[in-house]
Amino acid sequence: KAREGVASISSAGGDKDYADSVKGRFTI
């Protein structure tokens, strides 16, 4: 399978991004 994004976090932790498939289950 192709590589896919899971989550990201900004340098100070203020901005977080999650893939729909992991929202509610994963926390960065």
mmCIF file of all heavy atoms, coordinates in Angstrom:
data_MODEL
# 
_entry.id   MODEL 
# 
loop_
_atom_site.group_PDB 
_atom_site.id 
_atom_site.type_symbol 
_atom_site.label_atom_id 
_atom_site.label_alt_id 
_atom_site.label_comp_id 
_atom_site.label_asym_id 
_atom_site.label_entity_id 
_atom_site.label_seq_id 
_atom_site.pdbx_PDB_ins_code 
_atom_site.Cartn_x 
_atom_site.Cartn_y 
_atom_site.Cartn_z 
_atom_site.occupancy 
_atom_site.B_iso_or_equiv 
_atom_site.pdbx_formal_charge 
_atom_site.auth_seq_id 
_atom_site.auth_comp_id 
_atom_site.auth_asym_id 
_atom_site.auth_atom_id 
_atom_site.pdbx_PDB_model_num 
ATOM 1   N N   . LYS A 1 1  ? 0.825   -1.195 0.000  1.00 0.00 ? 1  LYS A N   1 
ATOM 2   C CA  . LYS A 1 1  ? 0.000   0.000  0.000  1.00 0.00 ? 1  LYS A CA  1 
ATOM 3   C C   . LYS A 1 1  ? 0.864   1.252  0.000  1.00 0.00 ? 1  LYS A C   1 
ATOM 4   O O   . LYS A 1 1  ? 2.030   1.220  0.386  1.00 0.00 ? 1  LYS A O   1 
ATOM 5   C CB  . LYS A 1 1  ? -0.932  0.024  1.209  1.00 0.00 ? 1  LYS A CB  1 
ATOM 6   C CG  . LYS A 1 1  ? -2.022  -1.027 1.189  1.00 0.00 ? 1  LYS A CG  1 
ATOM 7   C CD  . LYS A 1 1  ? -2.996  -0.810 2.331  1.00 0.00 ? 1  LYS A CD  1 
ATOM 8   C CE  . LYS A 1 1  ? -4.159  -1.766 2.271  1.00 0.00 ? 1  LYS A CE  1 
ATOM 9   N NZ  . LYS A 1 1  ? -5.136  -1.516 3.368  1.00 0.00 ? 1  LYS A NZ  1 
ATOM 10  N N   . ALA A 1 2  ? 0.272   2.338  -0.428 1.00 0.00 ? 2  ALA A N   1 
ATOM 11  C CA  . ALA A 1 2  ? 0.973   3.613  -0.424 1.00 0.00 ? 2  ALA A CA  1 
ATOM 12  C C   . ALA A 1 2  ? 1.063   4.173  0.989  1.00 0.00 ? 2  ALA A C   1 
ATOM 13  O O   . ALA A 1 2  ? 0.237   3.877  1.848  1.00 0.00 ? 2  ALA A O   1 
ATOM 14  C CB  . ALA A 1 2  ? 0.262   4.606  -1.336 1.00 0.00 ? 2  ALA A CB  1 
ATOM 15  N N   . ARG A 1 3  ? 2.062   4.988  1.201  1.00 0.00 ? 3  ARG A N   1 
ATOM 16  C CA  . ARG A 1 3  ? 2.210   5.655  2.480  1.00 0.00 ? 3  ARG A CA  1 
ATOM 17  C C   . ARG A 1 3  ? 1.077   6.645  2.677  1.00 0.00 ? 3  ARG A C   1 
ATOM 18  O O   . ARG A 1 3  ? 0.675   7.338  1.736  1.00 0.00 ? 3  ARG A O   1 
ATOM 19  C CB  . ARG A 1 3  ? 3.553   6.381  2.528  1.00 0.00 ? 3  ARG A CB  1 
ATOM 20  C CG  . ARG A 1 3  ? 3.877   7.020  3.865  1.00 0.00 ? 3  ARG A CG  1 
ATOM 21  C CD  . ARG A 1 3  ? 5.217   7.729  3.795  1.00 0.00 ? 3  ARG A CD  1 
ATOM 22  N NE  . ARG A 1 3  ? 5.186   8.829  2.850  1.00 0.00 ? 3  ARG A NE  1 
ATOM 23  C CZ  . ARG A 1 3  ? 6.262   9.336  2.269  1.00 0.00 ? 3  ARG A CZ  1 
ATOM 24  N NH1 . ARG A 1 3  ? 7.463   8.815  2.513  1.00 0.00 ? 3  ARG A NH1 1 
ATOM 25  N NH2 . ARG A 1 3  ? 6.142   10.359 1.436  1.00 0.00 ? 3  ARG A NH2 1 
ATOM 26  N N   . GLU A 1 4  ? 0.543   6.714  3.884  1.00 0.00 ? 4  GLU A N   1 
ATOM 27  C CA  . GLU A 1 4  ? -0.540  7.630  4.167  1.00 0.00 ? 4  GLU A CA  1 
ATOM 28  C C   . GLU A 1 4  ? -0.270  8.402  5.447  1.00 0.00 ? 4  GLU A C   1 
ATOM 29  O O   . GLU A 1 4  ? 0.363   7.907  6.373  1.00 0.00 ? 4  GLU A O   1 
ATOM 30  C CB  . GLU A 1 4  ? -1.872  6.883  4.284  1.00 0.00 ? 4  GLU A CB  1 
ATOM 31  C CG  . GLU A 1 4  ? -1.925  5.866  5.411  1.00 0.00 ? 4  GLU A CG  1 
ATOM 32  C CD  . GLU A 1 4  ? -3.279  5.198  5.538  1.00 0.00 ? 4  GLU A CD  1 
ATOM 33  O OE1 . GLU A 1 4  ? -4.257  5.692  4.953  1.00 0.00 ? 4  GLU A OE1 1 
ATOM 34  O OE2 . GLU A 1 4  ? -3.358  4.157  6.234  1.00 0.00 ? 4  GLU A OE2 1 
ATOM 35  N N   . GLY A 1 5  ? -0.769  9.615  5.485  1.00 0.00 ? 5  GLY A N   1 
ATOM 36  C CA  . GLY A 1 5  ? -0.625  10.433 6.666  1.00 0.00 ? 5  GLY A CA  1 
ATOM 37  C C   . GLY A 1 5  ? -1.551  9.968  7.770  1.00 0.00 ? 5  GLY A C   1 
ATOM 38  O O   . GLY A 1 5  ? -2.684  9.547  7.518  1.00 0.00 ? 5  GLY A O   1 
ATOM 39  N N   . VAL A 1 6  ? -1.085  10.051 8.998  1.00 0.00 ? 6  VAL A N   1 
ATOM 40  C CA  . VAL A 1 6  ? -1.862  9.657  10.168 1.00 0.00 ? 6  VAL A CA  1 
ATOM 41  C C   . VAL A 1 6  ? -2.223  10.867 11.013 1.00 0.00 ? 6  VAL A C   1 
ATOM 42  O O   . VAL A 1 6  ? -3.385  11.080 11.356 1.00 0.00 ? 6  VAL A O   1 
ATOM 43  C CB  . VAL A 1 6  ? -1.101  8.623  11.018 1.00 0.00 ? 6  VAL A CB  1 
ATOM 44  C CG1 . VAL A 1 6  ? -1.887  8.274  12.275 1.00 0.00 ? 6  VAL A CG1 1 
ATOM 45  C CG2 . VAL A 1 6  ? -0.806  7.376  10.202 1.00 0.00 ? 6  VAL A CG2 1 
ATOM 46  N N   . ALA A 1 7  ? -1.225  11.668 11.360 1.00 0.00 ? 7  ALA A N   1 
ATOM 47  C CA  . ALA A 1 7  ? -1.443  12.834 12.198 1.00 0.00 ? 7  ALA A CA  1 
ATOM 48  C C   . ALA A 1 7  ? -0.246  13.761 12.092 1.00 0.00 ? 7  ALA A C   1 
ATOM 49  O O   . ALA A 1 7  ? 0.830   13.353 11.667 1.00 0.00 ? 7  ALA A O   1 
ATOM 50  C CB  . ALA A 1 7  ? -1.668  12.427 13.658 1.00 0.00 ? 7  ALA A CB  1 
ATOM 51  N N   . SER A 1 8  ? -0.429  14.999 12.488 1.00 0.00 ? 8  SER A N   1 
ATOM 52  C CA  . SER A 1 8  ? 0.668   15.953 12.521 1.00 0.00 ? 8  SER A CA  1 
ATOM 53  C C   . SER A 1 8  ? 0.466   16.908 13.681 1.00 0.00 ? 8  SER A C   1 
ATOM 54  O O   . SER A 1 8  ? -0.654  17.073 14.184 1.00 0.00 ? 8  SER A O   1 
ATOM 55  C CB  . SER A 1 8  ? 0.785   16.724 11.200 1.00 0.00 ? 8  SER A CB  1 
ATOM 56  O OG  . SER A 1 8  ? -0.356  17.531 10.982 1.00 0.00 ? 8  SER A OG  1 
ATOM 57  N N   . ILE A 1 9  ? 1.539   17.542 14.092 1.00 0.00 ? 9  ILE A N   1 
ATOM 58  C CA  . ILE A 1 9  ? 1.484   18.485 15.193 1.00 0.00 ? 9  ILE A CA  1 
ATOM 59  C C   . ILE A 1 9  ? 2.501   19.589 14.950 1.00 0.00 ? 9  ILE A C   1 
ATOM 60  O O   . ILE A 1 9  ? 3.623   19.342 14.504 1.00 0.00 ? 9  ILE A O   1 
ATOM 61  C CB  . ILE A 1 9  ? 1.736   17.772 16.547 1.00 0.00 ? 9  ILE A CB  1 
ATOM 62  C CG1 . ILE A 1 9  ? 1.521   18.725 17.722 1.00 0.00 ? 9  ILE A CG1 1 
ATOM 63  C CG2 . ILE A 1 9  ? 3.132   17.154 16.591 1.00 0.00 ? 9  ILE A CG2 1 
ATOM 64  C CD1 . ILE A 1 9  ? 1.467   18.010 19.072 1.00 0.00 ? 9  ILE A CD1 1 
ATOM 65  N N   . SER A 1 10 ? 2.108   20.817 15.233 1.00 0.00 ? 10 SER A N   1 
ATOM 66  C CA  . SER A 1 10 ? 2.980   21.955 15.015 1.00 0.00 ? 10 SER A CA  1 
ATOM 67  C C   . SER A 1 10 ? 4.064   22.010 16.087 1.00 0.00 ? 10 SER A C   1 
ATOM 68  O O   . SER A 1 10 ? 4.029   21.293 17.085 1.00 0.00 ? 10 SER A O   1 
ATOM 69  C CB  . SER A 1 10 ? 2.174   23.254 14.999 1.00 0.00 ? 10 SER A CB  1 
ATOM 70  O OG  . SER A 1 10 ? 1.476   23.436 16.215 1.00 0.00 ? 10 SER A OG  1 
ATOM 71  N N   . SER A 1 11 ? 5.020   22.888 15.869 1.00 0.00 ? 11 SER A N   1 
ATOM 72  C CA  . SER A 1 11 ? 6.188   22.945 16.750 1.00 0.00 ? 11 SER A CA  1 
ATOM 73  C C   . SER A 1 11 ? 5.836   23.204 18.206 1.00 0.00 ? 11 SER A C   1 
ATOM 74  O O   . SER A 1 11 ? 6.482   22.657 19.109 1.00 0.00 ? 11 SER A O   1 
ATOM 75  C CB  . SER A 1 11 ? 7.167   24.006 16.240 1.00 0.00 ? 11 SER A CB  1 
ATOM 76  O OG  . SER A 1 11 ? 6.554   25.289 16.201 1.00 0.00 ? 11 SER A OG  1 
ATOM 77  N N   . ALA A 1 12 ? 4.816   24.038 18.442 1.00 0.00 ? 12 ALA A N   1 
ATOM 78  C CA  . ALA A 1 12 ? 4.391   24.343 19.801 1.00 0.00 ? 12 ALA A CA  1 
ATOM 79  C C   . ALA A 1 12 ? 3.226   23.473 20.266 1.00 0.00 ? 12 ALA A C   1 
ATOM 80  O O   . ALA A 1 12 ? 2.793   23.594 21.411 1.00 0.00 ? 12 ALA A O   1 
ATOM 81  C CB  . ALA A 1 12 ? 4.009   25.813 19.921 1.00 0.00 ? 12 ALA A CB  1 
ATOM 82  N N   . GLY A 1 13 ? 2.725   22.628 19.386 1.00 0.00 ? 13 GLY A N   1 
ATOM 83  C CA  . GLY A 1 13 ? 1.640   21.735 19.742 1.00 0.00 ? 13 GLY A CA  1 
ATOM 84  C C   . GLY A 1 13 ? 0.253   22.316 19.575 1.00 0.00 ? 13 GLY A C   1 
ATOM 85  O O   . GLY A 1 13 ? -0.737  21.650 19.905 1.00 0.00 ? 13 GLY A O   1 
ATOM 86  N N   . GLY A 1 14 ? 0.148   23.544 19.046 1.00 0.00 ? 14 GLY A N   1 
ATOM 87  C CA  . GLY A 1 14 ? -1.138  24.192 18.940 1.00 0.00 ? 14 GLY A CA  1 
ATOM 88  C C   . GLY A 1 14 ? -2.004  23.717 17.793 1.00 0.00 ? 14 GLY A C   1 
ATOM 89  O O   . GLY A 1 14 ? -3.234  23.799 17.872 1.00 0.00 ? 14 GLY A O   1 
ATOM 90  N N   . ASP A 1 15 ? -1.389  23.254 16.735 1.00 0.00 ? 15 ASP A N   1 
ATOM 91  C CA  . ASP A 1 15 ? -2.125  22.795 15.562 1.00 0.00 ? 15 ASP A CA  1 
ATOM 92  C C   . ASP A 1 15 ? -1.940  21.298 15.409 1.00 0.00 ? 15 ASP A C   1 
ATOM 93  O O   . ASP A 1 15 ? -0.809  20.802 15.366 1.00 0.00 ? 15 ASP A O   1 
ATOM 94  C CB  . ASP A 1 15 ? -1.639  23.511 14.299 1.00 0.00 ? 15 ASP A CB  1 
ATOM 95  C CG  . ASP A 1 15 ? -1.959  24.991 14.319 1.00 0.00 ? 15 ASP A CG  1 
ATOM 96  O OD1 . ASP A 1 15 ? -3.068  25.352 14.746 1.00 0.00 ? 15 ASP A OD1 1 
ATOM 97  O OD2 . ASP A 1 15 ? -1.095  25.787 13.899 1.00 0.00 ? 15 ASP A OD2 1 
ATOM 98  N N   . LYS A 1 16 ? -3.053  20.587 15.317 1.00 0.00 ? 16 LYS A N   1 
ATOM 99  C CA  . LYS A 1 16 ? -3.033  19.143 15.147 1.00 0.00 ? 16 LYS A CA  1 
ATOM 100 C C   . LYS A 1 16 ? -3.928  18.755 13.986 1.00 0.00 ? 16 LYS A C   1 
ATOM 101 O O   . LYS A 1 16 ? -4.971  19.356 13.763 1.00 0.00 ? 16 LYS A O   1 
ATOM 102 C CB  . LYS A 1 16 ? -3.493  18.434 16.425 1.00 0.00 ? 16 LYS A CB  1 
ATOM 103 C CG  . LYS A 1 16 ? -2.638  18.724 17.641 1.00 0.00 ? 16 LYS A CG  1 
ATOM 104 C CD  . LYS A 1 16 ? -3.188  18.049 18.883 1.00 0.00 ? 16 LYS A CD  1 
ATOM 105 C CE  . LYS A 1 16 ? -2.350  18.368 20.106 1.00 0.00 ? 16 LYS A CE  1 
ATOM 106 N NZ  . LYS A 1 16 ? -2.894  17.724 21.335 1.00 0.00 ? 16 LYS A NZ  1 
ATOM 107 N N   . ASP A 1 17 ? -3.510  17.735 13.278 1.00 0.00 ? 17 ASP A N   1 
ATOM 108 C CA  . ASP A 1 17 ? -4.236  17.262 12.116 1.00 0.00 ? 17 ASP A CA  1 
ATOM 109 C C   . ASP A 1 17 ? -4.298  15.743 12.187 1.00 0.00 ? 17 ASP A C   1 
ATOM 110 O O   . ASP A 1 17 ? -3.304  15.106 12.542 1.00 0.00 ? 17 ASP A O   1 
ATOM 111 C CB  . ASP A 1 17 ? -3.537  17.727 10.831 1.00 0.00 ? 17 ASP A CB  1 
ATOM 112 C CG  . ASP A 1 17 ? -4.360  17.500 9.580  1.00 0.00 ? 17 ASP A CG  1 
ATOM 113 O OD1 . ASP A 1 17 ? -5.596  17.408 9.686  1.00 0.00 ? 17 ASP A OD1 1 
ATOM 114 O OD2 . ASP A 1 17 ? -3.759  17.440 8.489  1.00 0.00 ? 17 ASP A OD2 1 
ATOM 115 N N   . TYR A 1 18 ? -5.465  15.174 11.869 1.00 0.00 ? 18 TYR A N   1 
ATOM 116 C CA  . TYR A 1 18 ? -5.645  13.730 11.922 1.00 0.00 ? 18 TYR A CA  1 
ATOM 117 C C   . TYR A 1 18 ? -6.305  13.223 10.654 1.00 0.00 ? 18 TYR A C   1 
ATOM 118 O O   . TYR A 1 18 ? -7.158  13.893 10.069 1.00 0.00 ? 18 TYR A O   1 
ATOM 119 C CB  . TYR A 1 18 ? -6.531  13.319 13.100 1.00 0.00 ? 18 TYR A CB  1 
ATOM 120 C CG  . TYR A 1 18 ? -5.974  13.618 14.463 1.00 0.00 ? 18 TYR A CG  1 
ATOM 121 C CD1 . TYR A 1 18 ? -6.331  14.779 15.140 1.00 0.00 ? 18 TYR A CD1 1 
ATOM 122 C CD2 . TYR A 1 18 ? -5.107  12.729 15.083 1.00 0.00 ? 18 TYR A CD2 1 
ATOM 123 C CE1 . TYR A 1 18 ? -5.832  15.048 16.404 1.00 0.00 ? 18 TYR A CE1 1 
ATOM 124 C CE2 . TYR A 1 18 ? -4.608  12.990 16.344 1.00 0.00 ? 18 TYR A CE2 1 
ATOM 125 C CZ  . TYR A 1 18 ? -4.971  14.152 17.001 1.00 0.00 ? 18 TYR A CZ  1 
ATOM 126 O OH  . TYR A 1 18 ? -4.478  14.411 18.254 1.00 0.00 ? 18 TYR A OH  1 
ATOM 127 N N   . ALA A 1 19 ? -5.908  12.044 10.256 1.00 0.00 ? 19 ALA A N   1 
ATOM 128 C CA  . ALA A 1 19 ? -6.621  11.371 9.187  1.00 0.00 ? 19 ALA A CA  1 
ATOM 129 C C   . ALA A 1 19 ? -7.998  10.958 9.689  1.00 0.00 ? 19 ALA A C   1 
ATOM 130 O O   . ALA A 1 19 ? -8.170  10.626 10.871 1.00 0.00 ? 19 ALA A O   1 
ATOM 131 C CB  . ALA A 1 19 ? -5.842  10.144 8.722  1.00 0.00 ? 19 ALA A CB  1 
ATOM 132 N N   . ASP A 1 20 ? -8.980  10.967 8.803  1.00 0.00 ? 20 ASP A N   1 
ATOM 133 C CA  . ASP A 1 20 ? -10.328 10.601 9.203  1.00 0.00 ? 20 ASP A CA  1 
ATOM 134 C C   . ASP A 1 20 ? -10.388 9.197  9.807  1.00 0.00 ? 20 ASP A C   1 
ATOM 135 O O   . ASP A 1 20 ? -11.176 8.931  10.713 1.00 0.00 ? 20 ASP A O   1 
ATOM 136 C CB  . ASP A 1 20 ? -11.276 10.683 8.009  1.00 0.00 ? 20 ASP A CB  1 
ATOM 137 C CG  . ASP A 1 20 ? -11.566 12.108 7.588  1.00 0.00 ? 20 ASP A CG  1 
ATOM 138 O OD1 . ASP A 1 20 ? -11.352 13.033 8.403  1.00 0.00 ? 20 ASP A OD1 1 
ATOM 139 O OD2 . ASP A 1 20 ? -12.014 12.309 6.448  1.00 0.00 ? 20 ASP A OD2 1 
ATOM 140 N N   . SER A 1 21 ? -9.546  8.317  9.324  1.00 0.00 ? 21 SER A N   1 
ATOM 141 C CA  . SER A 1 21 ? -9.577  6.937  9.774  1.00 0.00 ? 21 SER A CA  1 
ATOM 142 C C   . SER A 1 21 ? -9.132  6.752  11.222 1.00 0.00 ? 21 SER A C   1 
ATOM 143 O O   . SER A 1 21 ? -9.395  5.708  11.817 1.00 0.00 ? 21 SER A O   1 
ATOM 144 C CB  . SER A 1 21 ? -8.711  6.067  8.857  1.00 0.00 ? 21 SER A CB  1 
ATOM 145 O OG  . SER A 1 21 ? -7.363  6.504  8.871  1.00 0.00 ? 21 SER A OG  1 
ATOM 146 N N   . VAL A 1 22 ? -8.461  7.755  11.791 1.00 0.00 ? 22 VAL A N   1 
ATOM 147 C CA  . VAL A 1 22 ? -7.954  7.621  13.160 1.00 0.00 ? 22 VAL A CA  1 
ATOM 148 C C   . VAL A 1 22 ? -8.548  8.637  14.120 1.00 0.00 ? 22 VAL A C   1 
ATOM 149 O O   . VAL A 1 22 ? -8.266  8.573  15.326 1.00 0.00 ? 22 VAL A O   1 
ATOM 150 C CB  . VAL A 1 22 ? -6.419  7.712  13.206 1.00 0.00 ? 22 VAL A CB  1 
ATOM 151 C CG1 . VAL A 1 22 ? -5.792  6.706  12.248 1.00 0.00 ? 22 VAL A CG1 1 
ATOM 152 C CG2 . VAL A 1 22 ? -5.940  9.126  12.898 1.00 0.00 ? 22 VAL A CG2 1 
ATOM 153 N N   . LYS A 1 23 ? -9.370  9.549  13.640 1.00 0.00 ? 23 LYS A N   1 
ATOM 154 C CA  . LYS A 1 23 ? -9.971  10.548 14.514 1.00 0.00 ? 23 LYS A CA  1 
ATOM 155 C C   . LYS A 1 23 ? -10.792 9.878  15.607 1.00 0.00 ? 23 LYS A C   1 
ATOM 156 O O   . LYS A 1 23 ? -11.562 8.962  15.352 1.00 0.00 ? 23 LYS A O   1 
ATOM 157 C CB  . LYS A 1 23 ? -10.851 11.503 13.708 1.00 0.00 ? 23 LYS A CB  1 
ATOM 158 C CG  . LYS A 1 23 ? -10.083 12.493 12.869 1.00 0.00 ? 23 LYS A CG  1 
ATOM 159 C CD  . LYS A 1 23 ? -11.020 13.437 12.120 1.00 0.00 ? 23 LYS A CD  1 
ATOM 160 C CE  . LYS A 1 23 ? -10.247 14.452 11.305 1.00 0.00 ? 23 LYS A CE  1 
ATOM 161 N NZ  . LYS A 1 23 ? -11.140 15.340 10.532 1.00 0.00 ? 23 LYS A NZ  1 
ATOM 162 N N   . GLY A 1 24 ? -10.606 10.354 16.825 1.00 0.00 ? 24 GLY A N   1 
ATOM 163 C CA  . GLY A 1 24 ? -11.300 9.785  17.961 1.00 0.00 ? 24 GLY A CA  1 
ATOM 164 C C   . GLY A 1 24 ? -10.594 8.608  18.581 1.00 0.00 ? 24 GLY A C   1 
ATOM 165 O O   . GLY A 1 24 ? -10.955 8.191  19.695 1.00 0.00 ? 24 GLY A O   1 
ATOM 166 N N   . ARG A 1 25 ? -9.610  8.056  17.893 1.00 0.00 ? 25 ARG A N   1 
ATOM 167 C CA  . ARG A 1 25 ? -8.869  6.909  18.412 1.00 0.00 ? 25 ARG A CA  1 
ATOM 168 C C   . ARG A 1 25 ? -7.409  7.245  18.698 1.00 0.00 ? 25 ARG A C   1 
ATOM 169 O O   . ARG A 1 25 ? -6.844  6.751  19.669 1.00 0.00 ? 25 ARG A O   1 
ATOM 170 C CB  . ARG A 1 25 ? -8.926  5.740  17.431 1.00 0.00 ? 25 ARG A CB  1 
ATOM 171 C CG  . ARG A 1 25 ? -10.330 5.225  17.160 1.00 0.00 ? 25 ARG A CG  1 
ATOM 172 C CD  . ARG A 1 25 ? -10.296 3.935  16.356 1.00 0.00 ? 25 ARG A CD  1 
ATOM 173 N NE  . ARG A 1 25 ? -9.683  4.128  15.042 1.00 0.00 ? 25 ARG A NE  1 
ATOM 174 C CZ  . ARG A 1 25 ? -8.599  3.475  14.617 1.00 0.00 ? 25 ARG A CZ  1 
ATOM 175 N NH1 . ARG A 1 25 ? -8.008  2.585  15.406 1.00 0.00 ? 25 ARG A NH1 1 
ATOM 176 N NH2 . ARG A 1 25 ? -8.122  3.698  13.400 1.00 0.00 ? 25 ARG A NH2 1 
ATOM 177 N N   . PHE A 1 26 ? -6.812  8.056  17.848 1.00 0.00 ? 26 PHE A N   1 
ATOM 178 C CA  . PHE A 1 26 ? -5.403  8.419  17.995 1.00 0.00 ? 26 PHE A CA  1 
ATOM 179 C C   . PHE A 1 26 ? -5.286  9.847  18.503 1.00 0.00 ? 26 PHE A C   1 
ATOM 180 O O   . PHE A 1 26 ? -6.099  10.714 18.154 1.00 0.00 ? 26 PHE A O   1 
ATOM 181 C CB  . PHE A 1 26 ? -4.664  8.324  16.658 1.00 0.00 ? 26 PHE A CB  1 
ATOM 182 C CG  . PHE A 1 26 ? -4.473  6.927  16.132 1.00 0.00 ? 26 PHE A CG  1 
ATOM 183 C CD1 . PHE A 1 26 ? -5.121  5.838  16.699 1.00 0.00 ? 26 PHE A CD1 1 
ATOM 184 C CD2 . PHE A 1 26 ? -3.625  6.710  15.057 1.00 0.00 ? 26 PHE A CD2 1 
ATOM 185 C CE1 . PHE A 1 26 ? -4.940  4.559  16.206 1.00 0.00 ? 26 PHE A CE1 1 
ATOM 186 C CE2 . PHE A 1 26 ? -3.431  5.437  14.556 1.00 0.00 ? 26 PHE A CE2 1 
ATOM 187 C CZ  . PHE A 1 26 ? -4.090  4.360  15.128 1.00 0.00 ? 26 PHE A CZ  1 
ATOM 188 N N   . THR A 1 27 ? -4.260  10.096 19.301 1.00 0.00 ? 27 THR A N   1 
ATOM 189 C CA  . THR A 1 27 ? -3.983  11.426 19.811 1.00 0.00 ? 27 THR A CA  1 
ATOM 190 C C   . THR A 1 27 ? -2.505  11.728 19.658 1.00 0.00 ? 27 THR A C   1 
ATOM 191 O O   . THR A 1 27 ? -1.662  10.959 20.119 1.00 0.00 ? 27 THR A O   1 
ATOM 192 C CB  . THR A 1 27 ? -4.378  11.567 21.290 1.00 0.00 ? 27 THR A CB  1 
ATOM 193 O OG1 . THR A 1 27 ? -5.769  11.262 21.457 1.00 0.00 ? 27 THR A OG1 1 
ATOM 194 C CG2 . THR A 1 27 ? -4.125  12.992 21.770 1.00 0.00 ? 27 THR A CG2 1 
ATOM 195 N N   . ILE A 1 28 ? -2.206  12.842 19.015 1.00 0.00 ? 28 ILE A N   1 
ATOM 196 C CA  . ILE A 1 28 ? -0.824  13.259 18.872 1.00 0.00 ? 28 ILE A CA  1 
ATOM 197 C C   . ILE A 1 28 ? -0.533  14.349 19.897 1.00 0.00 ? 28 ILE A C   1 
ATOM 198 O O   . ILE A 1 28 ? -1.369  15.209 20.163 1.00 0.00 ? 28 ILE A O   1 
ATOM 199 C CB  . ILE A 1 28 ? -0.534  13.740 17.432 1.00 0.00 ? 28 ILE A CB  1 
ATOM 200 C CG1 . ILE A 1 28 ? 0.974   13.933 17.220 1.00 0.00 ? 28 ILE A CG1 1 
ATOM 201 C CG2 . ILE A 1 28 ? -1.302  15.010 17.099 1.00 0.00 ? 28 ILE A CG2 1 
ATOM 202 C CD1 . ILE A 1 28 ? 1.355   14.142 15.758 1.00 0.00 ? 28 ILE A CD1 1 
# 
